[in-house]
Protein backbone atom coordinates (compact mmCIF):
# COMPACT_ATOMS: atom_id res chain seq x y z
CA MET A 1 0.00 0.00 0.00
CA LYS A 2 2.79 2.37 0.84
CA ASN A 3 4.60 1.64 -2.40
CA ASN A 4 1.43 2.21 -4.45
CA GLN A 5 0.76 5.48 -2.68
CA SER A 6 4.35 6.56 -3.26
CA GLY A 7 4.04 5.69 -6.95
CA ARG A 8 0.89 7.69 -7.39
CA SER A 9 2.45 10.66 -5.64
CA MET A 10 5.46 10.59 -7.93
CA ILE A 11 3.27 10.46 -11.05
CA GLU A 12 1.15 13.30 -9.75
CA MET A 13 4.27 15.36 -9.03
CA LEU A 14 5.61 14.77 -12.53
CA GLY A 15 2.24 15.82 -13.94
CA VAL A 16 2.28 19.01 -11.92
CA LEU A 17 5.82 19.79 -13.05
CA ALA A 18 4.85 19.16 -16.67
CA ILE A 19 1.90 21.54 -16.37
CA ILE A 20 4.11 24.19 -14.76
CA GLY A 21 6.62 23.77 -17.58
CA VAL A 22 3.98 24.18 -20.26
CA LEU A 23 2.55 27.25 -18.56
CA SER A 24 6.03 28.74 -18.18
CA VAL A 25 6.86 28.27 -21.86
CA GLY A 26 3.50 29.72 -22.84
CA GLY A 27 4.01 32.63 -20.50
CA ILE A 28 7.46 33.39 -21.92
CA ALA A 29 6.15 33.21 -25.49
CA GLY A 30 3.24 35.46 -24.60
CA TYR A 31 5.57 37.94 -22.91
CA SER A 32 7.89 37.99 -25.92
CA LYS A 33 5.01 38.71 -28.27
CA ALA A 34 3.69 41.42 -25.97
CA MET A 35 7.13 43.07 -25.80
CA ALA A 36 7.53 42.90 -29.57
CA LYS A 37 4.15 44.59 -30.03
CA TYR A 38 5.02 47.22 -27.41
CA ARG A 39 8.31 48.02 -29.15
CA ALA A 40 6.68 48.33 -32.55
CA ASN A 41 4.01 50.64 -31.13
CA LYS A 42 6.71 52.66 -29.37
CA VAL A 43 8.63 53.15 -32.60
CA MET A 44 5.50 54.37 -34.39
CA GLU A 45 4.76 56.76 -31.53
CA GLN A 46 8.31 58.15 -31.62
CA ILE A 47 8.24 58.63 -35.38
CA SER A 48 4.90 60.42 -35.33
CA MET A 49 6.08 62.73 -32.55
CA PHE A 50 9.38 63.53 -34.25
CA VAL A 51 7.82 64.21 -37.66
CA THR A 52 5.15 66.47 -36.13
CA ASN A 53 7.73 68.39 -34.09
CA THR A 54 10.09 68.78 -37.04
CA ARG A 55 7.48 69.97 -39.54
CA THR A 56 6.07 72.39 -36.97
CA MET A 57 9.51 73.78 -36.11
CA TYR A 58 10.42 74.29 -39.79
CA ALA A 59 6.97 75.40 -40.96
CA GLN A 60 8.18 78.91 -41.81
CA GLN A 61 11.44 77.74 -43.35
CA GLN A 62 12.18 76.80 -46.95
CA THR A 63 14.92 74.33 -46.12
CA TYR A 64 15.99 71.62 -43.69
CA MET A 65 19.64 72.51 -44.27
CA ASN A 66 21.95 71.23 -41.51
CA LEU A 67 19.20 69.19 -39.88
CA GLY A 68 20.78 66.17 -38.25
CA ASN A 69 20.83 64.24 -35.00
CA THR A 70 22.68 66.89 -33.00
CA MET A 71 20.64 69.78 -34.37
CA ALA A 72 17.37 67.93 -33.74
CA VAL A 73 18.34 67.23 -30.12
CA ASP A 74 19.45 70.85 -29.56
CA MET A 75 16.15 72.13 -30.98
CA GLY A 76 14.15 69.83 -28.68
CA ILE A 77 12.25 68.06 -31.44
CA VAL A 78 13.49 64.56 -30.62
CA PRO A 79 11.53 62.41 -28.14
CA ASP A 80 13.59 62.10 -24.95
CA ASP A 81 13.60 58.30 -25.00
CA LEU A 82 15.52 58.32 -28.29
CA ILE A 83 18.42 60.41 -26.97
CA VAL A 84 21.65 58.68 -25.87
CA VAL A 85 23.34 60.42 -22.94
CA ASP A 86 26.77 60.04 -21.39
CA SER A 87 27.60 59.30 -17.75
CA ASP A 88 26.93 62.95 -16.88
CA GLY A 89 23.50 62.86 -18.50
CA LYS A 90 24.55 65.00 -21.46
CA PRO A 91 23.43 64.10 -25.05
CA THR A 92 26.16 62.34 -27.04
CA GLY A 93 24.70 63.22 -30.43
CA ALA A 94 23.63 59.63 -31.01
CA LEU A 95 20.04 58.41 -31.06
CA ARG A 96 18.84 54.88 -30.25
CA ASN A 97 15.45 53.30 -30.85
CA VAL A 98 13.73 50.87 -28.49
CA PHE A 99 15.33 47.90 -30.30
CA GLY A 100 18.78 49.24 -29.53
CA GLY A 101 19.42 50.24 -33.14
CA PRO A 102 20.62 53.67 -34.29
CA VAL A 103 18.36 56.42 -35.56
CA GLN A 104 19.54 58.87 -38.21
CA ILE A 105 18.13 62.20 -39.34
CA ALA A 106 19.36 63.88 -42.52
CA PRO A 107 18.26 66.68 -44.87
CA SER A 108 17.16 65.67 -48.36
CA TYR A 109 15.61 67.23 -51.47
CA VAL A 110 12.50 67.07 -53.62
CA ASN A 111 13.41 68.39 -57.07
CA ASP A 112 16.88 69.85 -56.85
CA GLU A 113 19.70 68.27 -54.87
CA THR A 114 20.60 71.66 -53.43
CA ASP A 115 17.19 72.70 -52.14
CA LYS A 116 17.20 70.53 -48.96
CA SER A 117 13.45 70.98 -48.73
CA ALA A 118 12.88 67.49 -47.31
CA PHE A 119 14.31 65.29 -44.60
CA ILE A 120 14.78 61.57 -44.04
CA LEU A 121 14.31 59.74 -40.77
CA SER A 122 15.74 56.22 -40.52
CA PHE A 123 15.29 53.57 -37.82
CA PHE A 124 17.75 50.66 -37.93
CA ASN A 125 18.17 47.17 -36.44
CA MET A 126 14.54 46.36 -35.81
CA SER A 127 12.96 42.93 -35.70
CA ARG A 128 11.13 41.49 -38.71
CA ASP A 129 7.79 41.53 -36.87
CA ALA A 130 8.21 45.19 -36.00
CA CYS A 131 9.26 45.98 -39.55
CA ILE A 132 6.12 44.36 -40.95
CA ALA A 133 3.89 46.12 -38.41
CA ILE A 134 5.44 49.48 -39.27
CA ALA A 135 5.36 48.93 -43.05
CA THR A 136 1.69 48.01 -42.98
CA SER A 137 0.70 51.05 -40.89
CA ASP A 138 -0.93 54.10 -42.45
CA TRP A 139 1.58 56.93 -42.34
CA GLY A 140 -0.60 59.29 -44.34
CA ALA A 141 -1.36 59.68 -48.01
CA GLY A 142 -2.56 63.27 -48.27
CA SER A 143 -0.43 66.33 -48.93
CA SER A 144 -0.98 67.47 -45.36
CA SER A 145 1.04 64.52 -44.06
CA GLY A 146 4.13 65.63 -45.96
CA LEU A 147 5.14 62.02 -46.60
CA LEU A 148 6.94 61.46 -49.90
CA ALA A 149 8.10 57.86 -49.58
CA MET A 150 8.91 55.00 -47.25
CA HIS A 151 11.78 52.57 -47.76
CA VAL A 152 11.83 49.14 -46.06
CA TYR A 153 15.03 47.09 -46.31
CA ASN A 154 17.62 44.82 -44.69
CA VAL A 155 20.79 46.51 -43.44
CA GLU A 156 22.79 43.32 -42.87
CA GLY A 157 26.21 43.65 -44.41
CA LEU A 158 26.09 47.43 -44.81
CA THR A 159 29.12 49.33 -43.53
CA SER A 160 29.05 50.98 -40.12
CA VAL A 161 30.25 54.53 -39.59
CA ASP A 162 31.59 56.14 -36.43
CA VAL A 163 29.51 59.16 -35.42
CA GLY A 164 30.66 61.04 -32.36
CA GLY A 165 32.36 58.00 -30.89
CA THR A 166 29.26 55.85 -31.30
CA MET A 167 28.92 53.26 -34.02
CA GLU A 168 25.99 54.03 -36.32
CA THR A 169 24.78 51.50 -38.88
CA PRO A 170 24.70 51.92 -41.80
CA ALA A 171 26.14 55.01 -43.50
CA GLU A 172 23.58 57.67 -44.40
CA SER A 173 23.99 57.20 -48.15
CA ALA A 174 23.23 53.48 -47.91
CA ALA A 175 19.94 54.30 -46.21
CA THR A 176 18.73 57.05 -48.47
CA ASP A 177 19.92 56.67 -52.05
CA THR A 178 17.20 54.31 -53.21
CA VAL A 179 14.46 56.40 -51.64
CA LEU A 180 15.77 59.60 -53.19
CA ASN A 181 15.97 58.07 -56.65
CA ALA A 182 12.47 56.61 -56.44
CA VAL A 183 10.86 59.86 -55.37
CA THR A 184 12.72 62.29 -57.59
CA THR A 185 12.72 60.28 -60.81
CA ALA A 186 9.97 57.68 -61.12
CA ASN A 187 7.79 58.79 -58.20
CA THR A 188 6.44 55.27 -57.96
CA GLY A 189 6.70 52.36 -55.60
CA SER A 190 8.88 49.32 -56.15
CA ALA A 191 8.04 45.95 -54.59
CA ASP A 192 11.53 44.61 -55.33
CA ASP A 193 13.28 47.52 -53.58
CA GLY A 194 10.84 47.88 -50.70
CA ILE A 195 9.86 51.41 -51.69
CA ALA A 196 6.36 52.65 -51.00
CA VAL A 197 4.85 55.93 -52.20
CA PRO A 198 1.57 57.42 -50.92
CA GLY A 199 -1.30 56.71 -53.30
CA ASP A 200 0.82 54.56 -55.60
CA ALA A 201 -0.98 51.71 -57.38
CA VAL A 202 2.05 49.40 -57.23
CA VAL A 203 3.30 49.82 -53.67
CA GLY A 204 1.31 52.33 -51.69
CA ILE A 205 1.28 53.31 -48.04
CA PRO A 206 0.41 51.33 -46.05
CA MET A 207 2.10 48.40 -47.75
CA ARG A 208 0.18 45.20 -48.33
CA ILE A 209 1.16 42.41 -45.94
CA ASP A 210 2.69 40.29 -48.72
CA GLN A 211 4.81 43.25 -49.85
CA ALA A 212 5.92 43.99 -46.29
CA ARG A 213 6.91 40.36 -45.72
CA THR A 214 9.16 40.51 -48.79
CA ALA A 215 10.63 43.91 -47.98
CA CYS A 216 11.33 43.00 -44.34
CA ASN A 217 13.84 40.39 -45.44
CA CYS A 218 15.57 39.87 -42.10
CA ALA A 219 13.95 36.70 -40.74
CA ASN A 220 15.21 35.65 -37.30
CA LYS A 221 17.47 38.70 -37.20
CA SER A 222 17.33 42.28 -36.02
CA THR A 223 18.62 43.92 -39.17
CA CYS A 224 15.45 45.43 -40.61
CA ALA A 225 15.36 49.15 -41.27
CA VAL A 226 12.74 51.66 -42.34
CA SER A 227 13.33 55.16 -43.72
CA TRP A 228 10.71 57.86 -44.22
CA LYS A 229 11.08 60.89 -46.44
CA TYR A 230 9.03 64.00 -45.59
CA TYR A 231 8.90 67.55 -46.87
């Protein structure tokens, strides 16, 4: 009788442990998904805030000349949670998104390379899930939004550059060239290049899910990037 009771107790204990294990794994998976969704939402919130602040600040200007990370921080148009500070709490000039990837701000153009009447905001090293969520979000299609194009791509293998003692990936030109060419020449989206243009019949904004899955070609990695071009 004692042996039988002991056997049943052991089986019951193993069953309890198995249930706890299953619940733990499910809890971890659920937490990971929740965090991924939170980070994607945070990125979209940061982008919306920055774009609104920037366009408001430069509303009376004809150019975004000299707009960059340091200038944006000095002018107070960058969300605080993007700013990297040193041990004394002073801005380093670098910006980091919630995925730990760099953020770059640079002036651009619409018709003439010298006019600098537009700017590009780029978020790097994001997860594929976040990339898809961002690419399939509605960033605005009307003229009031100021959005000219969105570029979704994989930065793996692109060269890093040292900006103010902090490694930024990739170089500005690698992030912006394709977007600039698409907007200033063809003014149309390209599924192969991950370029979306508001109102475009080929690749519009928001992107279709199948297009976003192709453009966010960084499965199981954190090398997805998205750039937005605004005027």
